[in-house]
Structure formats: C-alpha cells, structure tokens
C-alpha atoms as a PDB file:
ATOM      1  CA  MET A   1       2.079  -1.168  13.058  1.00  0.00           C
ATOM      2  CA  PRO A   2       3.592  -0.735   9.576  1.00  0.00           C
ATOM      3  CA  THR A   3       4.164  -3.744   7.336  1.00  0.00           C
ATOM      4  CA  ASP A   4       7.481  -3.868   5.466  1.00  0.00           C
ATOM      5  CA  TYR A   5       7.996  -5.698   2.185  1.00  0.00           C
ATOM      6  CA  PRO A   6       9.102  -8.424   1.604  1.00  0.00           C
ATOM      7  CA  VAL A   7       6.441 -10.296   3.515  1.00  0.00           C
ATOM      8  CA  THR A   8       4.207 -13.244   2.696  1.00  0.00           C
ATOM      9  CA  LEU A   9       1.318 -11.740   0.765  1.00  0.00           C
ATOM     10  CA  PRO A  10      -2.289 -12.965   0.742  1.00  0.00           C
ATOM     11  CA  PRO A  11      -3.741 -14.490  -2.425  1.00  0.00           C
ATOM     12  CA  VAL A  12      -5.035 -11.903  -4.882  1.00  0.00           C
ATOM     13  CA  SER A  13      -8.090 -12.307  -7.085  1.00  0.00           C
ATOM     14  CA  ASP A  14      -7.897 -11.409 -10.766  1.00  0.00           C
ATOM     15  CA  ASP A  15      -9.655  -8.143  -9.919  1.00  0.00           C
ATOM     16  CA  PRO A  16      -8.581  -6.849  -6.487  1.00  0.00           C
ATOM     17  CA  GLU A  17     -10.025  -3.425  -7.286  1.00  0.00           C
ATOM     18  CA  THR A  18     -13.483  -5.014  -7.230  1.00  0.00           C
ATOM     19  CA  ALA A  19     -12.949  -7.795  -4.660  1.00  0.00           C
ATOM     20  CA  TRP A  20     -11.373  -5.480  -2.053  1.00  0.00           C
ATOM     21  CA  ARG A  21     -12.801  -2.183  -3.389  1.00  0.00           C
ATOM     22  CA  ALA A  22      -9.180  -1.088  -3.658  1.00  0.00           C
ATOM     23  CA  GLN A  23      -8.650   2.441  -4.867  1.00  0.00           C
ATOM     24  CA  ARG A  24      -6.121   5.228  -4.820  1.00  0.00           C
ATOM     25  CA  VAL A  25      -7.454   8.171  -2.805  1.00  0.00           C
ATOM     26  CA  GLY A  26      -4.560  10.624  -2.812  1.00  0.00           C
ATOM     27  CA  ASP A  27      -1.870  12.108  -4.985  1.00  0.00           C
ATOM     28  CA  THR A  28       1.618  10.660  -4.770  1.00  0.00           C
ATOM     29  CA  VAL A  29       3.965  12.778  -2.663  1.00  0.00           C
ATOM     30  CA  PHE A  30       7.623  12.619  -3.664  1.00  0.00           C
ATOM     31  CA  GLU A  31      10.427  13.345  -1.213  1.00  0.00           C
ATOM     32  CA  ARG A  32      14.005  13.849  -2.374  1.00  0.00           C
ATOM     33  CA  PRO A  33      16.232  14.249   0.690  1.00  0.00           C
ATOM     34  CA  ASP A  34      19.774  15.592   0.417  1.00  0.00           C
ATOM     35  CA  GLU A  35      21.006  12.233   1.707  1.00  0.00           C
ATOM     36  CA  GLY A  36      19.491   8.773   1.354  1.00  0.00           C
ATOM     37  CA  TRP A  37      16.919   7.390  -1.048  1.00  0.00           C
ATOM     38  CA  PRO A  38      14.073   9.382  -2.565  1.00  0.00           C
ATOM     39  CA  SER A  39      10.600   8.123  -1.671  1.00  0.00           C
ATOM     40  CA  ALA A  40       7.083   8.196  -3.056  1.00  0.00           C
ATOM     41  CA  THR A  41       4.064   7.941  -0.739  1.00  0.00           C
ATOM     42  CA  THR A  42       0.504   7.324  -1.939  1.00  0.00           C
ATOM     43  CA  THR A  43      -2.700   6.799   0.059  1.00  0.00           C
ATOM     44  CA  PHE A  44      -5.151   4.041  -0.821  1.00  0.00           C
ATOM     45  CA  ALA A  45      -8.499   2.809   0.527  1.00  0.00           C
ATOM     46  CA  ILE A  46      -9.169  -0.918   0.772  1.00  0.00           C
ATOM     47  CA  ASP A  47     -11.620  -3.312   2.420  1.00  0.00           C
ATOM     48  CA  ALA A  48     -10.152  -5.354   5.285  1.00  0.00           C
ATOM     49  CA  SER A  49     -11.182  -6.543   8.726  1.00  0.00           C
ATOM     50  CA  SER A  50      -8.082  -5.109  10.457  1.00  0.00           C
ATOM     51  CA  ALA A  51      -5.269  -2.621   9.955  1.00  0.00           C
ATOM     52  CA  ALA A  52      -2.735  -5.433   9.487  1.00  0.00           C
ATOM     53  CA  GLU A  53      -4.885  -7.111   6.835  1.00  0.00           C
ATOM     54  CA  ALA A  54      -5.337  -3.770   5.037  1.00  0.00           C
ATOM     55  CA  GLU A  55      -1.565  -3.246   4.887  1.00  0.00           C
ATOM     56  CA  LEU A  56      -0.990  -6.724   3.464  1.00  0.00           C
ATOM     57  CA  ARG A  57      -3.780  -6.321   0.927  1.00  0.00           C
ATOM     58  CA  VAL A  58      -2.381  -3.027  -0.379  1.00  0.00           C
ATOM     59  CA  LEU A  59       1.063  -4.604  -0.817  1.00  0.00           C
ATOM     60  CA  ALA A  60      -0.474  -7.662  -2.530  1.00  0.00           C
ATOM     61  CA  TRP A  61      -2.642  -5.499  -4.812  1.00  0.00           C
ATOM     62  CA  ILE A  62       0.227  -3.261  -5.947  1.00  0.00           C
ATOM     63  CA  HIS A  63       2.546  -6.253  -6.392  1.00  0.00           C
ATOM     64  CA  HIS A  64      -0.095  -8.117  -8.441  1.00  0.00           C
ATOM     65  CA  SER A  65      -1.594  -5.332 -10.532  1.00  0.00           C
ATOM     66  CA  TYR A  66       1.289  -2.950 -11.127  1.00  0.00           C
ATOM     67  CA  GLU A  67       4.427  -5.069 -10.720  1.00  0.00           C
ATOM     68  CA  ASP A  68       6.162  -2.162  -8.980  1.00  0.00           C
ATOM     69  CA  ASP A  69       9.444  -2.877  -7.259  1.00  0.00           C
ATOM     70  CA  LEU A  70       8.292  -3.062  -3.652  1.00  0.00           C
ATOM     71  CA  ARG A  71      11.684  -3.728  -2.066  1.00  0.00           C
ATOM     72  CA  GLN A  72      11.910  -1.560   1.046  1.00  0.00           C
ATOM     73  CA  ALA A  73       8.249  -0.530   0.688  1.00  0.00           C
ATOM     74  CA  THR A  74       6.208   0.122   3.820  1.00  0.00           C
ATOM     75  CA  ALA A  75       2.413   0.032   4.082  1.00  0.00           C
ATOM     76  CA  THR A  76       0.854   1.788   7.076  1.00  0.00           C
ATOM     77  CA  ALA A  77      -2.854   1.717   7.930  1.00  0.00           C
ATOM     78  CA  GLU A  78      -3.605   5.344   8.753  1.00  0.00           C
ATOM     79  CA  SER A  79      -7.239   5.309   9.812  1.00  0.00           C
ATOM     80  CA  PRO A  80     -10.515   3.479   9.354  1.00  0.00           C
ATOM     81  CA  ALA A  81     -12.389   4.763   6.299  1.00  0.00           C
ATOM     82  CA  GLY A  82     -15.615   3.084   7.380  1.00  0.00           C
ATOM     83  CA  PRO A  83     -16.679  -0.314   8.676  1.00  0.00           C
ATOM     84  CA  ASP A  84     -14.110  -2.890   7.502  1.00  0.00           C
ATOM     85  CA  ARG A  85     -12.424  -0.271   5.272  1.00  0.00           C
ATOM     86  CA  TRP A  86      -9.045   1.391   5.800  1.00  0.00           C
ATOM     87  CA  HIS A  87      -6.886   4.202   4.487  1.00  0.00           C
ATOM     88  CA  VAL A  88      -3.360   2.882   3.942  1.00  0.00           C
ATOM     89  CA  SER A  89      -0.287   4.880   2.966  1.00  0.00           C
ATOM     90  CA  LEU A  90       2.294   3.081   0.837  1.00  0.00           C
ATOM     91  CA  ARG A  91       5.844   4.442   0.910  1.00  0.00           C
ATOM     92  CA  ILE A  92       8.269   3.175  -1.726  1.00  0.00           C
ATOM     93  CA  LEU A  93      11.976   3.999  -1.828  1.00  0.00           C
ATOM     94  CA  GLY A  94      13.747   4.337  -5.154  1.00  0.00           C
ATOM     95  CA  GLU A  95      14.704   6.518  -8.080  1.00  0.00           C
ATOM     96  CA  PHE A  96      11.697   8.374  -9.485  1.00  0.00           C
END
C-alpha cells in the first residue's frame, strides 16, 4: 500500500546510503499532463524488512539527504529486490 507524505518518518543515520544500502536504480520519469500537477517518478532500492518500512525509509532518506519538497509525494514498494531489500518508486508532484 503506498505511503503518502507527510507521515512520521523513522530516524535517519548520518549515512543512510550505507546504513540502508539506499540507491537510485532508475532514471527519473517526468509527466506533464494537460491538467493538474506535473510529476517526477524515480525508482530506488533500499534495505527493509517489509514493503511499508521500505516506503518510509525512502521518504526519510530523501527528506534527510536531499531536502526535496516532499509535500504530496507518494512512495510505493514495487517488488522485493532480494531478501530484506525492496524496489520503491517515489512520485513527487510539483514544477520541474
């Protein structure tokens, strides 16, 4: 089930890329509909014990490391990428 921001985020270490093996695994796809907000969707891989935890960790990582505006962002665990590892798509609405 997708996780929408704002939500209470888990604590983040100083180096989530190492602690959670967080990494970007896909190019950002931009959508610019005729009506409504444009969006950007990027796929990440991250260590987590469940899909819900993976979604929260991606939101926490991006919020901590990149300070992107995550209002109306949605993280969705797409598929397991291995034991305790998930692919998560992050969709952000805004002007790009």
